[in-house]
């Protein structure tokens, strides 16, 4: 009886390479498993506190508000989304958009020179200046906003100084100007820090090369510095515009009833009007706008890479 011996799958020379590939595959699987376990708490946290509430708000946005103010989940419709095109709502959205845009532009104009100055100082000076930027975070945002209400009030130091100089009474509180001032003060550090990070890691040899090629200061800034810091501009603008668009505390305290922004209007739908479906629809719209802004920022960053 003859026996047949199956040939080996690999030659002796190929065996070490195959074993090495097997070890790499097992190491990759172990690394993926380790990464999943490390990220599991964060995924559970995001699911419970973000994904699940978003789903609940989405369900309520299709519900029906009864005449007594209660919410009926049995009768689904899109009436709340149709109401978004009401002229009153469109006006509030437009007001929120242009105040948030104004806040972003002013923060960018103010923050860019300051961030550039910080990035071009010595390491010790940079640390001190960055501490100054972070000092506002050491106190509560609500307290700082109420401080601005005192400063901008009719009995505040600004109004008293105006009257002492014979300029008359300056009425700033409860106006869009007061809201813009509060938002600029509150979100200016969120513009400075990304700009500083972008300018600080910029390759300054490119600027020197531009100057060696007889480019003046403005041309070197426009052709070299500005494009190299585009990522910081986009990140800072996003960090300022998104929270400004949906802000609640600052418009509520400094704007009053005459300067209602989208965040305040959403809260009033839940607390005063008891119109949970419409408030939920407004919340969904705000979150979609923020999501679109985040996706646009991510894609712009990917194009830069």
Protein backbone atom coordinates (compact mmCIF):
# COMPACT_ATOMS: atom_id res chain seq x y z
CA UNK A 1 0.00 0.00 0.00
CA UNK A 2 1.45 3.29 -1.08
CA UNK A 3 1.00 6.41 1.00
CA UNK A 4 0.75 9.85 -0.44
CA UNK A 5 2.51 12.66 1.40
CA UNK A 6 0.90 16.06 0.83
CA UNK A 7 3.36 18.70 -0.23
CA UNK A 8 3.98 21.52 2.17
CA UNK A 9 2.07 24.69 1.52
CA UNK A 10 5.17 26.83 1.88
CA UNK A 11 8.82 26.26 1.30
CA UNK A 12 11.24 26.50 4.23
CA UNK A 13 12.39 29.88 2.94
CA UNK A 14 8.82 31.30 2.99
CA UNK A 15 7.89 29.95 6.44
CA UNK A 16 9.44 32.84 8.50
CA UNK A 17 7.69 35.44 6.37
CA UNK A 18 4.33 33.67 6.75
CA UNK A 19 4.82 33.40 10.51
CA UNK A 20 5.69 37.09 10.67
CA UNK A 21 2.54 37.99 8.75
CA UNK A 22 0.48 35.89 11.14
CA UNK A 23 1.99 37.67 14.15
CA UNK A 24 1.26 41.06 12.57
CA UNK A 25 -2.35 40.08 11.90
CA UNK A 26 -2.86 38.92 15.49
CA UNK A 27 -1.19 42.10 16.79
CA UNK A 28 -3.50 44.22 14.64
CA UNK A 29 -6.57 42.38 15.95
CA UNK A 30 -5.37 42.82 19.54
CA UNK A 31 -4.75 46.53 18.93
CA UNK A 32 -8.25 47.01 17.51
CA UNK A 33 -9.75 45.17 20.47
CA UNK A 34 -7.74 47.29 22.89
CA UNK A 35 -8.83 50.47 21.13
CA UNK A 36 -12.47 49.39 21.25
CA UNK A 37 -12.29 48.67 24.98
CA UNK A 38 -10.59 52.00 25.65
CA UNK A 39 -13.21 53.89 23.66
CA UNK A 40 -16.18 51.95 25.04
CA UNK A 41 -16.82 54.26 28.05
CA UNK A 42 -16.79 57.32 25.78
CA UNK A 43 -19.14 55.63 23.29
CA UNK A 44 -21.56 54.69 26.08
CA UNK A 45 -21.39 58.25 27.43
CA UNK A 46 -22.08 59.79 24.01
CA UNK A 47 -24.89 57.33 23.33
CA UNK A 48 -26.69 57.98 26.61
CA UNK A 49 -26.22 61.75 26.76
CA UNK A 50 -26.19 62.74 23.08
CA UNK A 51 -27.54 60.12 20.69
CA UNK A 52 -30.48 59.02 22.83
CA UNK A 53 -31.62 62.59 23.72
CA UNK A 54 -31.29 63.56 20.06
CA UNK A 55 -33.53 60.64 19.11
CA UNK A 56 -36.10 61.62 21.78
CA UNK A 57 -36.12 65.24 20.60
CA UNK A 58 -36.54 64.03 17.02
CA UNK A 59 -39.57 61.94 18.01
CA UNK A 60 -41.16 64.85 19.89
CA UNK A 61 -40.68 67.14 16.88
CA UNK A 62 -43.28 65.07 14.99
CA UNK A 63 -45.77 64.99 17.89
CA UNK A 64 -48.93 67.06 18.30
CA UNK A 65 -49.60 69.78 20.86
CA UNK A 66 -53.11 69.67 22.28
CA UNK A 67 -55.22 72.69 23.17
CA UNK A 68 -54.30 72.29 26.84
CA UNK A 69 -50.55 72.33 26.12
CA UNK A 70 -49.95 68.61 26.49
CA UNK A 71 -48.03 66.59 23.91
CA UNK A 72 -49.59 63.66 22.07
CA UNK A 73 -47.14 61.20 20.60
CA UNK A 74 -49.87 59.16 18.92
CA UNK A 75 -50.73 61.75 16.26
CA UNK A 76 -47.55 62.32 14.24
CA UNK A 77 -47.31 65.16 11.71
CA UNK A 78 -44.90 67.74 10.28
CA UNK A 79 -46.82 70.81 11.47
CA UNK A 80 -43.92 71.91 13.68
CA UNK A 81 -41.52 71.90 10.74
CA UNK A 82 -44.02 73.81 8.58
CA UNK A 83 -44.21 76.45 11.30
CA UNK A 84 -40.47 77.03 10.94
CA UNK A 85 -41.24 79.10 7.84
CA UNK A 86 -43.40 81.52 9.81
CA UNK A 87 -42.14 85.12 9.31
CA UNK A 88 -41.59 85.51 13.06
CA UNK A 89 -39.38 82.42 13.21
CA UNK A 90 -37.51 83.39 10.04
CA UNK A 91 -36.84 86.82 11.55
CA UNK A 92 -35.44 85.28 14.75
CA UNK A 93 -33.25 82.89 12.76
CA UNK A 94 -31.95 85.75 10.62
CA UNK A 95 -31.23 87.88 13.70
CA UNK A 96 -29.35 85.00 15.30
CA UNK A 97 -27.39 84.41 12.09
CA UNK A 98 -26.22 87.97 11.58
CA UNK A 99 -25.37 88.54 15.25
CA UNK A 100 -23.39 85.29 15.28
CA UNK A 101 -21.68 86.25 12.01
CA UNK A 102 -20.85 89.72 13.35
CA UNK A 103 -19.46 88.16 16.52
CA UNK A 104 -17.30 85.77 14.50
CA UNK A 105 -15.91 88.49 12.23
CA UNK A 106 -15.08 90.87 15.08
CA UNK A 107 -13.50 88.07 17.11
CA UNK A 108 -11.36 87.14 14.09
CA UNK A 109 -10.26 90.74 13.48
CA UNK A 110 -9.36 91.22 17.14
CA UNK A 111 -7.89 87.78 17.80
CA UNK A 112 -5.62 87.38 14.78
CA UNK A 113 -3.20 90.23 15.60
CA UNK A 114 -3.16 89.23 19.26
CA UNK A 115 -2.52 85.57 18.45
CA UNK A 116 0.21 86.61 16.01
CA UNK A 117 1.80 88.74 18.72
CA UNK A 118 1.71 85.86 21.22
CA UNK A 119 3.22 83.40 18.75
CA UNK A 120 6.14 85.71 17.96
CA UNK A 121 7.15 86.33 21.59
CA UNK A 122 9.64 84.39 23.69
CA UNK A 123 8.48 81.19 25.40
CA UNK A 124 8.21 82.86 28.81
CA UNK A 125 6.21 85.78 27.43
CA UNK A 126 3.94 83.39 25.51
CA UNK A 127 3.11 81.47 28.68
CA UNK A 128 2.19 84.67 30.51
CA UNK A 129 0.02 85.95 27.65
CA UNK A 130 -1.75 82.60 27.32
CA UNK A 131 -2.57 82.75 31.03
CA UNK A 132 -4.15 86.16 30.44
CA UNK A 133 -6.26 84.63 27.66
CA UNK A 134 -7.40 81.83 29.98
CA UNK A 135 -8.19 84.06 32.99
CA UNK A 136 -11.87 84.61 31.97
CA UNK A 137 -12.45 80.85 32.25
CA UNK A 138 -11.56 81.02 35.93
CA UNK A 139 -14.90 82.63 36.76
CA UNK A 140 -18.45 81.55 36.00
CA UNK A 141 -19.82 82.60 32.60
CA UNK A 142 -23.14 83.64 34.12
CA UNK A 143 -21.43 85.95 36.62
CA UNK A 144 -19.36 87.55 33.87
CA UNK A 145 -22.48 88.13 31.79
CA UNK A 146 -24.25 89.81 34.71
CA UNK A 147 -21.15 92.00 35.14
CA UNK A 148 -21.63 93.22 31.58
CA UNK A 149 -25.28 93.92 32.36
CA UNK A 150 -24.13 96.23 35.15
CA UNK A 151 -21.52 97.91 32.93
CA UNK A 152 -23.97 98.49 30.08
CA UNK A 153 -26.94 99.45 32.27
CA UNK A 154 -28.41 102.94 32.51
CA UNK A 155 -26.84 103.32 35.97
CA UNK A 156 -23.56 101.69 35.02
CA UNK A 157 -20.15 103.35 34.72
CA UNK A 158 -20.40 103.68 30.92
CA UNK A 159 -23.66 105.63 31.11
CA UNK A 160 -22.37 107.76 33.99
CA UNK A 161 -19.15 108.57 32.12
CA UNK A 162 -21.17 109.52 29.04
CA UNK A 163 -23.35 111.89 31.05
CA UNK A 164 -20.31 113.39 32.78
CA UNK A 165 -18.73 114.14 29.39
CA UNK A 166 -21.94 115.78 28.18
CA UNK A 167 -22.64 113.10 25.57
CA UNK A 168 -26.06 112.27 26.95
CA UNK A 169 -27.36 108.93 28.10
CA UNK A 170 -26.10 105.94 26.16
CA UNK A 171 -28.64 103.13 26.07
CA UNK A 172 -26.86 99.94 25.13
CA UNK A 173 -28.47 97.34 27.36
CA UNK A 174 -31.28 95.26 25.85
CA UNK A 175 -30.12 95.95 22.29
CA UNK A 176 -28.38 93.81 19.65
CA UNK A 177 -25.21 95.79 20.38
CA UNK A 178 -25.23 94.61 24.00
CA UNK A 179 -25.74 91.00 22.89
CA UNK A 180 -22.87 91.26 20.40
CA UNK A 181 -20.58 92.75 23.07
CA UNK A 182 -21.40 89.93 25.46
CA UNK A 183 -20.86 87.25 22.82
CA UNK A 184 -17.58 88.75 21.65
CA UNK A 185 -16.29 88.93 25.21
CA UNK A 186 -17.41 85.39 25.98
CA UNK A 187 -16.11 83.65 22.87
CA UNK A 188 -12.98 85.66 22.01
CA UNK A 189 -10.64 83.13 23.70
CA UNK A 190 -12.10 80.39 21.49
CA UNK A 191 -10.81 82.34 18.49
CA UNK A 192 -7.42 83.26 19.95
CA UNK A 193 -6.32 79.77 20.95
CA UNK A 194 -6.78 77.99 17.55
CA UNK A 195 -5.18 80.94 15.77
CA UNK A 196 -2.23 80.89 18.15
CA UNK A 197 -1.77 77.14 17.61
CA UNK A 198 -1.83 77.57 13.82
CA UNK A 199 0.56 80.53 13.79
CA UNK A 200 2.93 78.99 16.32
CA UNK A 201 3.49 75.80 14.27
CA UNK A 202 3.81 77.68 10.97
CA UNK A 203 7.07 77.29 9.02
CA UNK A 204 8.55 80.76 9.30
CA UNK A 205 11.20 79.94 6.70
CA UNK A 206 8.52 80.34 4.04
CA UNK A 207 7.86 83.90 5.18
CA UNK A 208 11.59 84.63 5.10
CA UNK A 209 11.77 83.19 1.59
CA UNK A 210 8.93 85.46 0.48
CA UNK A 211 10.72 88.49 1.89
CA UNK A 212 13.94 87.40 0.16
CA UNK A 213 11.98 87.40 -3.10
CA UNK A 214 11.19 91.10 -2.52
CA UNK A 215 7.65 90.62 -1.20
CA UNK A 216 6.58 93.40 1.15
CA UNK A 217 5.03 92.68 4.55
CA UNK A 218 1.42 92.75 3.35
CA UNK A 219 2.13 90.54 0.33
CA UNK A 220 4.02 88.01 2.46
CA UNK A 221 1.15 87.94 4.94
CA UNK A 222 -1.50 87.56 2.24
CA UNK A 223 0.36 84.98 0.14
CA UNK A 224 2.11 82.95 2.85
CA UNK A 225 0.99 83.57 6.43
CA UNK A 226 -2.74 83.71 5.81
CA UNK A 227 -2.96 80.46 3.78
CA UNK A 228 -0.75 78.64 6.28
CA UNK A 229 -3.02 79.65 9.16
CA UNK A 230 -6.26 78.86 7.34
CA UNK A 231 -6.90 75.85 9.59
CA UNK A 232 -6.79 78.06 12.69
CA UNK A 233 -9.13 80.60 11.10
CA UNK A 234 -11.67 77.91 10.21
CA UNK A 235 -11.44 76.21 13.60
CA UNK A 236 -11.77 79.48 15.52
CA UNK A 237 -14.65 80.68 13.36
CA UNK A 238 -16.48 77.42 13.92
CA UNK A 239 -15.90 77.52 17.69
CA UNK A 240 -17.30 81.06 17.82
CA UNK A 241 -20.14 80.95 15.29
CA UNK A 242 -21.80 77.71 16.39
CA UNK A 243 -22.27 78.58 20.11
CA UNK A 244 -23.11 82.20 19.23
CA UNK A 245 -25.86 81.08 16.85
CA UNK A 246 -27.57 78.99 19.54
CA UNK A 247 -26.62 81.15 22.54
CA UNK A 248 -29.12 81.47 25.36
CA UNK A 249 -27.52 83.04 28.46
CA UNK A 250 -26.08 86.16 26.82
CA UNK A 251 -29.16 87.13 24.74
CA UNK A 252 -31.46 86.42 27.68
CA UNK A 253 -29.51 88.64 30.10
CA UNK A 254 -28.27 91.40 27.79
CA UNK A 255 -30.88 91.32 25.04
CA UNK A 256 -34.13 91.11 26.93
CA UNK A 257 -37.46 90.74 25.18
CA UNK A 258 -36.49 93.06 22.31
CA UNK A 259 -33.53 91.00 21.10
CA UNK A 260 -34.73 87.41 21.07
CA UNK A 261 -32.32 84.94 19.54
CA UNK A 262 -32.86 81.34 18.59
CA UNK A 263 -31.66 79.83 21.88
CA UNK A 264 -34.00 81.99 23.96
CA UNK A 265 -36.88 81.30 21.59
CA UNK A 266 -36.39 77.54 21.93
CA UNK A 267 -36.39 77.73 25.73
CA UNK A 268 -39.60 79.78 25.71
CA UNK A 269 -41.32 77.12 23.61
CA UNK A 270 -40.60 74.54 26.30
CA UNK A 271 -41.14 76.62 29.43
CA UNK A 272 -43.74 79.28 28.62
CA UNK A 273 -45.61 78.26 25.48
CA UNK A 274 -45.47 74.56 26.42
CA UNK A 275 -45.13 73.74 22.75
CA UNK A 276 -42.71 70.84 22.98
CA UNK A 277 -43.11 69.65 19.36
CA UNK A 278 -42.22 73.05 17.94
CA UNK A 279 -39.38 73.54 20.42
CA UNK A 280 -38.06 70.11 19.45
CA UNK A 281 -38.24 70.97 15.75
CA UNK A 282 -36.27 74.17 16.38
CA UNK A 283 -33.68 72.20 18.35
CA UNK A 284 -33.32 69.70 15.51
CA UNK A 285 -32.75 72.54 13.04
CA UNK A 286 -30.06 74.07 15.28
CA UNK A 287 -28.29 70.73 15.63
CA UNK A 288 -28.44 70.11 11.88
CA UNK A 289 -26.89 73.53 11.22
CA UNK A 290 -24.12 72.77 13.70
CA UNK A 291 -23.58 69.33 12.15
CA UNK A 292 -23.33 70.84 8.65
CA UNK A 293 -20.77 73.36 9.93
CA UNK A 294 -18.72 70.58 11.54
CA UNK A 295 -18.79 68.45 8.37
CA UNK A 296 -17.76 71.44 6.25
CA UNK A 297 -14.86 72.14 8.62
CA UNK A 298 -13.76 68.49 8.54
CA UNK A 299 -13.83 68.37 4.74
CA UNK A 300 -11.89 71.60 4.45
CA UNK A 301 -9.27 70.18 6.83
CA UNK A 302 -9.08 67.00 4.76
CA UNK A 303 -8.50 69.01 1.59
CA UNK A 304 -5.66 70.86 3.28
CA UNK A 305 -3.97 67.56 4.08
